[in-house]
Amino acid sequence: MSVIAHSLKIKYGLLNSPSEEKIKLWAEKSEAYISKGVTAEEAGNKAAKEVFSDYKKMFYAAQADTILVLLNQAKNK
């Protein structure tokens, strides 16, 4: 499992680690929202709701990374 997959799983309470395709789609959608003026946190959440079918199905008691860190990881994996 990649670092970004694990980070996204924790951040968005996913049951499963997302695939590389889902990570790429999440990053593209997040950046599209950001380019429209949506805050990074809100953009990441909106994109996650659209991309990950298991969004917020779990709660992990861990501090998750910021959206900008996750976007950077997704680009540089």
Protein backbone atom coordinates (compact mmCIF):
# COMPACT_ATOMS: atom_id res chain seq x y z
CA MET A 1 0.00 0.00 0.00
CA SER A 2 1.37 3.40 -0.94
CA VAL A 3 1.75 6.19 1.59
CA ILE A 4 -0.88 8.31 -0.18
CA ALA A 5 -3.36 5.40 -0.25
CA HIS A 6 -2.96 4.92 3.49
CA SER A 7 -3.20 8.66 4.17
CA LEU A 8 -6.40 8.97 2.12
CA LYS A 9 -7.87 5.92 3.86
CA ILE A 10 -7.30 7.55 7.25
CA LYS A 11 -8.29 11.08 6.20
CA TYR A 12 -11.62 10.07 4.66
CA GLY A 13 -12.52 7.10 6.84
CA LEU A 14 -12.36 4.60 3.99
CA LEU A 15 -12.85 0.90 4.60
CA ASN A 16 -10.29 0.02 1.93
CA SER A 17 -7.17 1.63 0.53
CA PRO A 18 -7.98 3.40 -2.73
CA SER A 19 -6.55 2.21 -6.05
CA GLU A 20 -4.03 4.26 -8.00
CA GLU A 21 -6.82 5.18 -10.45
CA LYS A 22 -9.05 6.44 -7.64
CA ILE A 23 -6.16 8.43 -6.14
CA LYS A 24 -5.49 10.09 -9.48
CA LEU A 25 -9.18 10.90 -9.96
CA TRP A 26 -9.42 12.31 -6.42
CA ALA A 27 -6.38 14.54 -7.05
CA GLU A 28 -7.75 15.80 -10.37
CA LYS A 29 -11.16 16.60 -8.90
CA SER A 30 -9.62 18.25 -5.83
CA GLU A 31 -7.42 20.47 -7.97
CA ALA A 32 -10.37 21.38 -10.20
CA TYR A 33 -12.35 22.54 -7.17
CA ILE A 34 -9.35 24.48 -5.85
CA SER A 35 -8.94 26.23 -9.22
CA LYS A 36 -12.57 27.38 -8.87
CA GLY A 37 -11.78 29.03 -5.54
CA VAL A 38 -12.89 26.28 -3.14
CA THR A 39 -10.63 25.88 -0.11
CA ALA A 40 -8.26 22.93 -0.24
CA GLU A 41 -9.97 21.14 2.66
CA GLU A 42 -13.44 21.52 1.18
CA ALA A 43 -12.18 20.58 -2.29
CA GLY A 44 -10.64 17.39 -0.98
CA ASN A 45 -13.81 16.47 0.87
CA LYS A 46 -16.04 17.12 -2.14
CA ALA A 47 -13.78 15.07 -4.38
CA ALA A 48 -13.60 12.25 -1.83
CA LYS A 49 -17.39 12.07 -1.59
CA GLU A 50 -17.57 11.75 -5.37
CA VAL A 51 -14.73 9.27 -5.85
CA PHE A 52 -14.70 6.94 -2.84
CA SER A 53 -17.83 4.84 -2.37
CA ASP A 54 -16.77 4.01 1.19
CA TYR A 55 -16.30 7.67 2.20
CA LYS A 56 -16.68 8.17 5.99
CA LYS A 57 -17.57 4.53 6.68
CA MET A 58 -14.86 4.27 9.37
CA PHE A 59 -13.33 6.55 11.96
CA TYR A 60 -9.63 6.28 12.61
CA ALA A 61 -8.26 7.93 15.74
CA ALA A 62 -5.26 9.43 14.00
CA GLN A 63 -4.34 12.87 12.82
CA ALA A 64 -4.64 12.98 9.04
CA ASP A 65 -2.57 15.06 6.66
CA THR A 66 -3.81 18.28 5.12
CA ILE A 67 -5.28 18.22 1.63
CA LEU A 68 -2.27 20.03 0.19
CA VAL A 69 0.10 17.40 1.62
CA LEU A 70 -2.08 14.63 0.21
CA LEU A 71 -2.21 16.28 -3.23
CA ASN A 72 1.56 16.60 -3.22
CA GLN A 73 1.93 12.92 -2.28
CA ALA A 74 -0.50 11.88 -5.02
CA LYS A 75 1.54 13.75 -7.64
CA ASN A 76 4.92 12.50 -6.42
CA LYS A 77 4.19 8.85 -5.67
